[in-house]
Amino acid sequence: MESPQPKATEDAKEGPPVDAELAKAIMARGFRPSVIGVEAWEGYMFSDLEIKIKESTDVYGAVLWPSAMVLCHFLETNRDQFNLLDKNVIELGSGTGLVTIVASLLGAKVTSTDLPDVLGNLQYNVLRNTKDRCKYTPVVTELIWGQDVEQHFPRATHYFDYILAADVVYAHPYLDELMDTFDHLCQENTQILWAMRFRLDPENSFVGRFQERFHVEELYDLPSLSIKLYRAWRRKERMTQDQRKAVA
């Protein structure tokens, strides 16, 4: 293997973890408040802390999906192999912010991104759950996949150790733009940790196209949740679009 990245977890070495037990442990991280107050919220336990997440049901991207819980559980339980302390991390399609919050609690310097109509609720959740709890204050910013990515995140000055993504692949018309955004942000030693829920054929075919650009390792397979968790890193033989333009 040409990747300089950490070795896979023990679970991954032995094959995908047992679905039922792992899925149960992951979903047990969530809870509902015993008393509903003025503001409705969903509760989650990570890093021995209670995280309160407000959803915005009128915006599709501001709802928390199980893939985010899968990725958060992995980050917390595999921190020896995937240590986020002092690492530069970007999350794509942050939604309600749970993954950003957990990564921040684990010591990462996180840039949390999503569409403009999601940012208000995202910023609220992130600040509510990270203030005075984290070494670094997360940065919440707009990112529209495939649009002005180089202007917002120039490769010469913006290097990320990890790209995190949970449930960003679904039946939408922007899969090509998402692929190009992964391609731009992922440099030689960047690792992608990506939790994906399988629903429709476009999502299945996306994985095949993704493997053309990146080495892919399956870390979790959870059929009961229709979710897989992948680790990926750049194929050295591939040049980025910017690199191809530079030598054209």
C-alpha atoms as a PDB file:
ATOM      1  CA  MET A   1       0.000   0.000   0.000  1.00  0.00           C
ATOM      2  CA  GLU A   2       1.414   3.372  -0.961  1.00  0.00           C
ATOM      3  CA  SER A   3      -0.475   5.348   1.683  1.00  0.00           C
ATOM      4  CA  PRO A   4       1.636   6.848   4.492  1.00  0.00           C
ATOM      5  CA  GLN A   5      -1.456   6.945   6.669  1.00  0.00           C
ATOM      6  CA  PRO A   6      -2.013   5.080   9.966  1.00  0.00           C
ATOM      7  CA  LYS A   7      -2.880   1.435   9.789  1.00  0.00           C
ATOM      8  CA  ALA A   8      -6.499   0.376   9.883  1.00  0.00           C
ATOM      9  CA  THR A   9      -8.210  -0.276  13.162  1.00  0.00           C
ATOM     10  CA  GLU A  10      -8.223  -3.758  14.665  1.00  0.00           C
ATOM     11  CA  ASP A  11     -11.880  -4.106  13.698  1.00  0.00           C
ATOM     12  CA  ALA A  12     -11.104  -3.258  10.088  1.00  0.00           C
ATOM     13  CA  LYS A  13      -8.169  -5.669   9.968  1.00  0.00           C
ATOM     14  CA  GLU A  14     -10.394  -8.521  11.041  1.00  0.00           C
ATOM     15  CA  GLY A  15     -13.188  -7.519   8.696  1.00  0.00           C
ATOM     16  CA  PRO A  16     -16.213  -5.248   9.202  1.00  0.00           C
ATOM     17  CA  PRO A  17     -17.416  -5.146  12.816  1.00  0.00           C
ATOM     18  CA  VAL A  18     -20.472  -7.137  13.816  1.00  0.00           C
ATOM     19  CA  ASP A  19     -23.418  -5.125  12.554  1.00  0.00           C
ATOM     20  CA  ALA A  20     -26.048  -5.571  15.259  1.00  0.00           C
ATOM     21  CA  GLU A  21     -23.854  -4.881  18.288  1.00  0.00           C
ATOM     22  CA  LEU A  22     -22.082  -1.920  16.742  1.00  0.00           C
ATOM     23  CA  ALA A  23     -25.244  -0.354  15.355  1.00  0.00           C
ATOM     24  CA  LYS A  24     -26.883  -0.686  18.769  1.00  0.00           C
ATOM     25  CA  ALA A  25     -23.910   0.968  20.488  1.00  0.00           C
ATOM     26  CA  ILE A  26     -23.900   3.824  18.007  1.00  0.00           C
ATOM     27  CA  MET A  27     -27.617   4.551  18.169  1.00  0.00           C
ATOM     28  CA  ALA A  28     -27.484   4.428  21.972  1.00  0.00           C
ATOM     29  CA  ARG A  29     -25.450   7.633  21.813  1.00  0.00           C
ATOM     30  CA  GLY A  30     -28.649   9.565  21.098  1.00  0.00           C
ATOM     31  CA  PHE A  31     -31.378  10.428  23.565  1.00  0.00           C
ATOM     32  CA  ARG A  32     -34.424  12.650  23.867  1.00  0.00           C
ATOM     33  CA  PRO A  33     -34.933  15.092  26.730  1.00  0.00           C
ATOM     34  CA  SER A  34     -37.314  13.842  29.399  1.00  0.00           C
ATOM     35  CA  VAL A  35     -39.083  17.188  29.406  1.00  0.00           C
ATOM     36  CA  ILE A  36     -39.623  19.257  26.256  1.00  0.00           C
ATOM     37  CA  GLY A  37     -39.009  22.907  26.987  1.00  0.00           C
ATOM     38  CA  VAL A  38     -39.449  25.998  24.866  1.00  0.00           C
ATOM     39  CA  GLU A  39     -36.872  24.750  22.357  1.00  0.00           C
ATOM     40  CA  ALA A  40     -36.905  21.244  20.931  1.00  0.00           C
ATOM     41  CA  TRP A  41     -33.546  19.475  20.731  1.00  0.00           C
ATOM     42  CA  GLU A  42     -32.001  16.041  20.358  1.00  0.00           C
ATOM     43  CA  GLY A  43     -29.346  14.854  22.800  1.00  0.00           C
ATOM     44  CA  TYR A  44     -26.127  12.931  22.123  1.00  0.00           C
ATOM     45  CA  MET A  45     -23.318  11.709  24.368  1.00  0.00           C
ATOM     46  CA  PHE A  46     -19.753  11.923  23.106  1.00  0.00           C
ATOM     47  CA  SER A  47     -16.504  12.563  24.977  1.00  0.00           C
ATOM     48  CA  ASP A  48     -18.530  12.104  28.171  1.00  0.00           C
ATOM     49  CA  LEU A  49     -20.390  15.320  27.389  1.00  0.00           C
ATOM     50  CA  GLU A  50     -24.016  16.015  26.592  1.00  0.00           C
ATOM     51  CA  ILE A  51     -24.446  17.567  23.166  1.00  0.00           C
ATOM     52  CA  LYS A  52     -27.702  19.353  22.382  1.00  0.00           C
ATOM     53  CA  ILE A  53     -28.602  19.561  18.702  1.00  0.00           C
ATOM     54  CA  LYS A  54     -31.369  21.709  17.301  1.00  0.00           C
ATOM     55  CA  GLU A  55     -32.707  20.566  13.955  1.00  0.00           C
ATOM     56  CA  SER A  56     -34.365  22.761  11.361  1.00  0.00           C
ATOM     57  CA  THR A  57     -36.981  20.589   9.713  1.00  0.00           C
ATOM     58  CA  ASP A  58     -37.767  23.135   7.000  1.00  0.00           C
ATOM     59  CA  VAL A  59     -34.241  22.735   5.594  1.00  0.00           C
ATOM     60  CA  TYR A  60     -33.261  19.251   4.348  1.00  0.00           C
ATOM     61  CA  GLY A  61     -29.602  19.684   5.217  1.00  0.00           C
ATOM     62  CA  ALA A  62     -30.328  20.758   8.798  1.00  0.00           C
ATOM     63  CA  VAL A  63     -31.612  17.364   9.944  1.00  0.00           C
ATOM     64  CA  LEU A  64     -29.318  14.917  11.709  1.00  0.00           C
ATOM     65  CA  TRP A  65     -28.991  11.538   9.997  1.00  0.00           C
ATOM     66  CA  PRO A  66     -27.558   8.318  11.501  1.00  0.00           C
ATOM     67  CA  SER A  67     -24.429   8.519   9.336  1.00  0.00           C
ATOM     68  CA  ALA A  68     -23.233  11.427  11.479  1.00  0.00           C
ATOM     69  CA  MET A  69     -23.549   9.292  14.602  1.00  0.00           C
ATOM     70  CA  VAL A  70     -21.612   6.474  12.932  1.00  0.00           C
ATOM     71  CA  LEU A  71     -18.743   8.812  12.059  1.00  0.00           C
ATOM     72  CA  CYS A  72     -18.714  10.412  15.521  1.00  0.00           C
ATOM     73  CA  HIS A  73     -18.650   7.020  17.221  1.00  0.00           C
ATOM     74  CA  PHE A  74     -15.727   5.964  15.069  1.00  0.00           C
ATOM     75  CA  LEU A  75     -13.760   9.140  15.773  1.00  0.00           C
ATOM     76  CA  GLU A  76     -14.168   8.767  19.517  1.00  0.00           C
ATOM     77  CA  THR A  77     -13.494   5.042  19.762  1.00  0.00           C
ATOM     78  CA  ASN A  78     -10.508   5.037  17.388  1.00  0.00           C
ATOM     79  CA  ARG A  79      -8.699   8.131  18.563  1.00  0.00           C
ATOM     80  CA  ASP A  80      -5.417   6.230  18.962  1.00  0.00           C
ATOM     81  CA  GLN A  81      -5.251   5.375  15.260  1.00  0.00           C
ATOM     82  CA  PHE A  82      -6.966   8.565  14.072  1.00  0.00           C
ATOM     83  CA  ASN A  83      -5.776  11.223  16.489  1.00  0.00           C
ATOM     84  CA  LEU A  84      -7.464  14.563  15.766  1.00  0.00           C
ATOM     85  CA  LEU A  85      -5.569  16.552  18.409  1.00  0.00           C
ATOM     86  CA  ASP A  86      -4.172  19.736  16.817  1.00  0.00           C
ATOM     87  CA  LYS A  87      -5.068  18.456  13.345  1.00  0.00           C
ATOM     88  CA  ASN A  88      -6.550  20.640  10.607  1.00  0.00           C
ATOM     89  CA  VAL A  89      -9.960  19.214   9.753  1.00  0.00           C
ATOM     90  CA  ILE A  90     -12.675  20.255   7.323  1.00  0.00           C
ATOM     91  CA  GLU A  91     -16.192  18.854   7.318  1.00  0.00           C
ATOM     92  CA  LEU A  92     -18.269  18.860   4.140  1.00  0.00           C
ATOM     93  CA  GLY A  93     -22.034  19.177   4.427  1.00  0.00           C
ATOM     94  CA  SER A  94     -21.925  19.728   8.187  1.00  0.00           C
ATOM     95  CA  GLY A  95     -25.713  19.976   8.547  1.00  0.00           C
ATOM     96  CA  THR A  96     -26.573  20.245  12.224  1.00  0.00           C
ATOM     97  CA  GLY A  97     -22.906  20.215  13.239  1.00  0.00           C
ATOM     98  CA  LEU A  98     -22.631  17.041  15.321  1.00  0.00           C
ATOM     99  CA  VAL A  99     -19.503  15.768  13.546  1.00  0.00           C
ATOM    100  CA  THR A 100     -17.868  19.198  13.760  1.00  0.00           C
ATOM    101  CA  ILE A 101     -18.664  19.378  17.474  1.00  0.00           C
ATOM    102  CA  VAL A 102     -17.272  15.923  18.270  1.00  0.00           C
ATOM    103  CA  ALA A 103     -14.116  16.529  16.217  1.00  0.00           C
ATOM    104  CA  SER A 104     -13.623  19.808  18.079  1.00  0.00           C
ATOM    105  CA  LEU A 105     -14.090  18.098  21.439  1.00  0.00           C
ATOM    106  CA  LEU A 106     -11.358  15.670  20.356  1.00  0.00           C
ATOM    107  CA  GLY A 107      -8.970  18.593  19.897  1.00  0.00           C
ATOM    108  CA  ALA A 108      -9.159  19.307  16.173  1.00  0.00           C
ATOM    109  CA  LYS A 109      -9.012  22.688  14.459  1.00  0.00           C
ATOM    110  CA  VAL A 110     -12.242  22.338  12.489  1.00  0.00           C
ATOM    111  CA  THR A 111     -13.605  24.232   9.518  1.00  0.00           C
ATOM    112  CA  SER A 112     -17.306  23.435   9.278  1.00  0.00           C
ATOM    113  CA  THR A 113     -18.970  24.001   5.888  1.00  0.00           C
ATOM    114  CA  ASP A 114     -22.394  23.883   4.311  1.00  0.00           C
ATOM    115  CA  LEU A 115     -24.845  25.816   2.136  1.00  0.00           C
ATOM    116  CA  PRO A 116     -25.898  29.378   3.064  1.00  0.00           C
ATOM    117  CA  ASP A 117     -29.407  28.429   4.207  1.00  0.00           C
ATOM    118  CA  VAL A 118     -27.998  25.911   6.701  1.00  0.00           C
ATOM    119  CA  LEU A 119     -25.311  28.094   8.291  1.00  0.00           C
ATOM    120  CA  GLY A 120     -27.507  29.865  10.853  1.00  0.00           C
ATOM    121  CA  ASN A 121     -28.652  26.686  12.572  1.00  0.00           C
ATOM    122  CA  LEU A 122     -25.197  25.116  12.142  1.00  0.00           C
ATOM    123  CA  GLN A 123     -23.469  28.077  13.793  1.00  0.00           C
ATOM    124  CA  TYR A 124     -25.959  28.014  16.659  1.00  0.00           C
ATOM    125  CA  ASN A 125     -25.373  24.323  17.404  1.00  0.00           C
ATOM    126  CA  VAL A 126     -21.601  24.556  17.070  1.00  0.00           C
ATOM    127  CA  LEU A 127     -21.218  27.543  19.398  1.00  0.00           C
ATOM    128  CA  ARG A 128     -23.713  26.163  21.895  1.00  0.00           C
ATOM    129  CA  ASN A 129     -21.785  22.915  22.286  1.00  0.00           C
ATOM    130  CA  THR A 130     -18.150  23.973  21.891  1.00  0.00           C
ATOM    131  CA  LYS A 131     -17.900  27.252  23.816  1.00  0.00           C
ATOM    132  CA  ASP A 132     -15.443  26.861  26.713  1.00  0.00           C
ATOM    133  CA  ARG A 133     -15.195  23.138  25.956  1.00  0.00           C
ATOM    134  CA  CYS A 134     -12.669  22.985  23.127  1.00  0.00           C
ATOM    135  CA  LYS A 135      -9.044  23.859  22.539  1.00  0.00           C
ATOM    136  CA  TYR A 136      -9.946  25.490  19.220  1.00  0.00           C
ATOM    137  CA  THR A 137     -13.107  27.372  18.287  1.00  0.00           C
ATOM    138  CA  PRO A 138     -14.569  25.836  15.107  1.00  0.00           C
ATOM    139  CA  VAL A 139     -14.908  28.052  12.042  1.00  0.00           C
ATOM    140  CA  VAL A 140     -18.301  27.869  10.316  1.00  0.00           C
ATOM    141  CA  THR A 141     -18.268  28.997   6.705  1.00  0.00           C
ATOM    142  CA  GLU A 142     -20.142  28.680   3.431  1.00  0.00           C
ATOM    143  CA  LEU A 143     -19.030  26.150   0.844  1.00  0.00           C
ATOM    144  CA  ILE A 144     -21.000  25.391  -2.282  1.00  0.00           C
ATOM    145  CA  TRP A 145     -19.504  22.266  -3.824  1.00  0.00           C
ATOM    146  CA  GLY A 146     -17.668  22.917  -7.055  1.00  0.00           C
ATOM    147  CA  GLN A 147     -18.014  26.714  -6.868  1.00  0.00           C
ATOM    148  CA  ASP A 148     -14.959  28.897  -6.199  1.00  0.00           C
ATOM    149  CA  VAL A 149     -13.395  26.189  -4.021  1.00  0.00           C
ATOM    150  CA  GLU A 150      -9.871  27.312  -4.925  1.00  0.00           C
ATOM    151  CA  GLN A 151     -10.724  30.893  -3.969  1.00  0.00           C
ATOM    152  CA  HIS A 152     -12.112  29.853  -0.590  1.00  0.00           C
ATOM    153  CA  PHE A 153      -9.517  27.154   0.108  1.00  0.00           C
ATOM    154  CA  PRO A 154      -6.342  27.721  -1.970  1.00  0.00           C
ATOM    155  CA  ARG A 155      -4.281  24.546  -2.027  1.00  0.00           C
ATOM    156  CA  ALA A 156      -1.084  26.517  -1.484  1.00  0.00           C
ATOM    157  CA  THR A 157      -2.229  27.818   1.908  1.00  0.00           C
ATOM    158  CA  HIS A 158      -4.996  25.459   3.059  1.00  0.00           C
ATOM    159  CA  TYR A 159      -3.907  21.961   3.988  1.00  0.00           C
ATOM    160  CA  PHE A 160      -6.232  19.586   5.826  1.00  0.00           C
ATOM    161  CA  ASP A 161      -5.132  16.460   7.665  1.00  0.00           C
ATOM    162  CA  TYR A 162      -8.681  15.086   7.544  1.00  0.00           C
ATOM    163  CA  ILE A 163     -11.789  15.605   5.453  1.00  0.00           C
ATOM    164  CA  LEU A 164     -14.908  14.450   7.281  1.00  0.00           C
ATOM    165  CA  ALA A 165     -18.226  13.789   5.568  1.00  0.00           C
ATOM    166  CA  ALA A 166     -21.448  12.137   6.706  1.00  0.00           C
ATOM    167  CA  ASP A 167     -24.355  11.403   4.372  1.00  0.00           C
ATOM    168  CA  VAL A 168     -23.283  13.894   1.721  1.00  0.00           C
ATOM    169  CA  VAL A 169     -24.089  11.496  -1.131  1.00  0.00           C
ATOM    170  CA  TYR A 170     -27.780  11.173  -1.906  1.00  0.00           C
ATOM    171  CA  ALA A 171     -30.123  11.761  -4.828  1.00  0.00           C
ATOM    172  CA  HIS A 172     -29.100  15.313  -5.707  1.00  0.00           C
ATOM    173  CA  PRO A 173     -27.765  16.817  -8.960  1.00  0.00           C
ATOM    174  CA  TYR A 174     -24.399  17.886  -7.535  1.00  0.00           C
ATOM    175  CA  LEU A 175     -22.462  14.631  -7.288  1.00  0.00           C
ATOM    176  CA  ASP A 176     -19.895  15.769  -9.865  1.00  0.00           C
ATOM    177  CA  GLU A 177     -19.336  18.971  -7.900  1.00  0.00           C
ATOM    178  CA  LEU A 178     -18.967  16.999  -4.685  1.00  0.00           C
ATOM    179  CA  MET A 179     -16.387  14.741  -6.326  1.00  0.00           C
ATOM    180  CA  ASP A 180     -14.405  17.747  -7.577  1.00  0.00           C
ATOM    181  CA  THR A 181     -14.525  19.291  -4.093  1.00  0.00           C
ATOM    182  CA  PHE A 182     -13.133  16.115  -2.521  1.00  0.00           C
ATOM    183  CA  ASP A 183     -10.468  16.108  -5.229  1.00  0.00           C
ATOM    184  CA  HIS A 184      -9.444  19.706  -4.580  1.00  0.00           C
ATOM    185  CA  LEU A 185      -9.298  19.485  -0.785  1.00  0.00           C
ATOM    186  CA  CYS A 186      -7.571  16.103  -0.575  1.00  0.00           C
ATOM    187  CA  GLN A 187      -3.820  16.552  -0.856  1.00  0.00           C
ATOM    188  CA  GLU A 188      -1.097  13.913  -0.724  1.00  0.00           C
ATOM    189  CA  ASN A 189      -1.289  13.112   3.010  1.00  0.00           C
ATOM    190  CA  THR A 190      -4.922  14.023   3.623  1.00  0.00           C
ATOM    191  CA  GLN A 191      -7.261  11.322   4.895  1.00  0.00           C
ATOM    192  CA  ILE A 192     -10.967  11.225   4.095  1.00  0.00           C
ATOM    193  CA  LEU A 193     -13.338   9.658   6.639  1.00  0.00           C
ATOM    194  CA  TRP A 194     -16.716   9.354   4.987  1.00  0.00           C
ATOM    195  CA  ALA A 195     -19.906   7.722   6.297  1.00  0.00           C
ATOM    196  CA  MET A 196     -22.417   6.945   3.587  1.00  0.00           C
ATOM    197  CA  ARG A 197     -25.978   5.702   3.671  1.00  0.00           C
ATOM    198  CA  PHE A 198     -26.922   3.679   0.615  1.00  0.00           C
ATOM    199  CA  ARG A 199     -30.343   4.481  -0.811  1.00  0.00           C
ATOM    200  CA  LEU A 200     -30.416   4.693  -4.615  1.00  0.00           C
ATOM    201  CA  ASP A 201     -28.364   3.663  -7.647  1.00  0.00           C
ATOM    202  CA  PRO A 202     -26.658   7.080  -8.106  1.00  0.00           C
ATOM    203  CA  GLU A 203     -25.119   6.651  -4.663  1.00  0.00           C
ATOM    204  CA  ASN A 204     -23.878   3.142  -5.441  1.00  0.00           C
ATOM    205  CA  SER A 205     -22.261   4.319  -8.677  1.00  0.00           C
ATOM    206  CA  PHE A 206     -20.650   7.276  -6.877  1.00  0.00           C
ATOM    207  CA  VAL A 207     -18.514   4.879  -4.841  1.00  0.00           C
ATOM    208  CA  GLY A 208     -17.163   3.300  -8.013  1.00  0.00           C
ATOM    209  CA  ARG A 209     -16.289   6.682  -9.469  1.00  0.00           C
ATOM    210  CA  PHE A 210     -14.765   7.734  -6.158  1.00  0.00           C
ATOM    211  CA  GLN A 211     -12.448   4.713  -6.255  1.00  0.00           C
ATOM    212  CA  GLU A 212     -11.052   5.908  -9.583  1.00  0.00           C
ATOM    213  CA  ARG A 213      -9.582   8.942  -7.820  1.00  0.00           C
ATOM    214  CA  PHE A 214      -8.897   7.613  -4.334  1.00  0.00           C
ATOM    215  CA  HIS A 215      -7.718   4.509  -2.550  1.00  0.00           C
ATOM    216  CA  VAL A 216     -10.670   3.321  -0.454  1.00  0.00           C
ATOM    217  CA  GLU A 217     -10.759   1.151   2.671  1.00  0.00           C
ATOM    218  CA  GLU A 218     -14.006  -0.002   4.291  1.00  0.00           C
ATOM    219  CA  LEU A 219     -13.929   0.514   8.062  1.00  0.00           C
ATOM    220  CA  TYR A 220     -17.538  -0.218   9.052  1.00  0.00           C
ATOM    221  CA  ASP A 221     -20.324  -2.101   7.299  1.00  0.00           C
ATOM    222  CA  LEU A 222     -23.708  -1.687   9.001  1.00  0.00           C
ATOM    223  CA  PRO A 223     -26.435  -3.324   6.873  1.00  0.00           C
ATOM    224  CA  SER A 224     -29.092  -2.704   9.521  1.00  0.00           C
ATOM    225  CA  LEU A 225     -28.539   1.042   9.054  1.00  0.00           C
ATOM    226  CA  SER A 226     -27.661   0.801   5.324  1.00  0.00           C
ATOM    227  CA  ILE A 227     -24.453   2.668   6.189  1.00  0.00           C
ATOM    228  CA  LYS A 228     -20.799   2.086   5.398  1.00  0.00           C
ATOM    229  CA  LEU A 229     -17.829   4.035   6.711  1.00  0.00           C
ATOM    230  CA  TYR A 230     -14.831   4.505   4.448  1.00  0.00           C
ATOM    231  CA  ARG A 231     -11.299   5.784   4.792  1.00  0.00           C
ATOM    232  CA  ALA A 232      -9.799   7.163   1.606  1.00  0.00           C
ATOM    233  CA  TRP A 233      -6.654   8.894   0.419  1.00  0.00           C
ATOM    234  CA  ARG A 234      -5.407  10.289  -2.867  1.00  0.00           C
ATOM    235  CA  ARG A 235      -4.002   8.061  -5.580  1.00  0.00           C
ATOM    236  CA  LYS A 236      -0.494   9.353  -6.152  1.00  0.00           C
ATOM    237  CA  GLU A 237      -0.718   8.735  -9.857  1.00  0.00           C
ATOM    238  CA  ARG A 238      -3.625  11.189 -10.178  1.00  0.00           C
ATOM    239  CA  MET A 239      -3.034  14.864 -10.746  1.00  0.00           C
ATOM    240  CA  THR A 240      -5.495  17.450  -9.539  1.00  0.00           C
ATOM    241  CA  GLN A 241      -7.282  19.679 -12.017  1.00  0.00           C
ATOM    242  CA  ASP A 242      -5.138  22.610 -10.905  1.00  0.00           C
ATOM    243  CA  GLN A 243      -1.966  20.591 -11.444  1.00  0.00           C
ATOM    244  CA  ARG A 244      -3.098  19.529 -14.927  1.00  0.00           C
ATOM    245  CA  LYS A 245      -3.837  23.137 -15.858  1.00  0.00           C
ATOM    246  CA  ALA A 246      -0.430  24.210 -14.604  1.00  0.00           C
ATOM    247  CA  VAL A 247       1.414  21.865 -16.980  1.00  0.00           C
ATOM    248  CA  ALA A 248      -0.971  22.319 -19.931  1.00  0.00           C
END
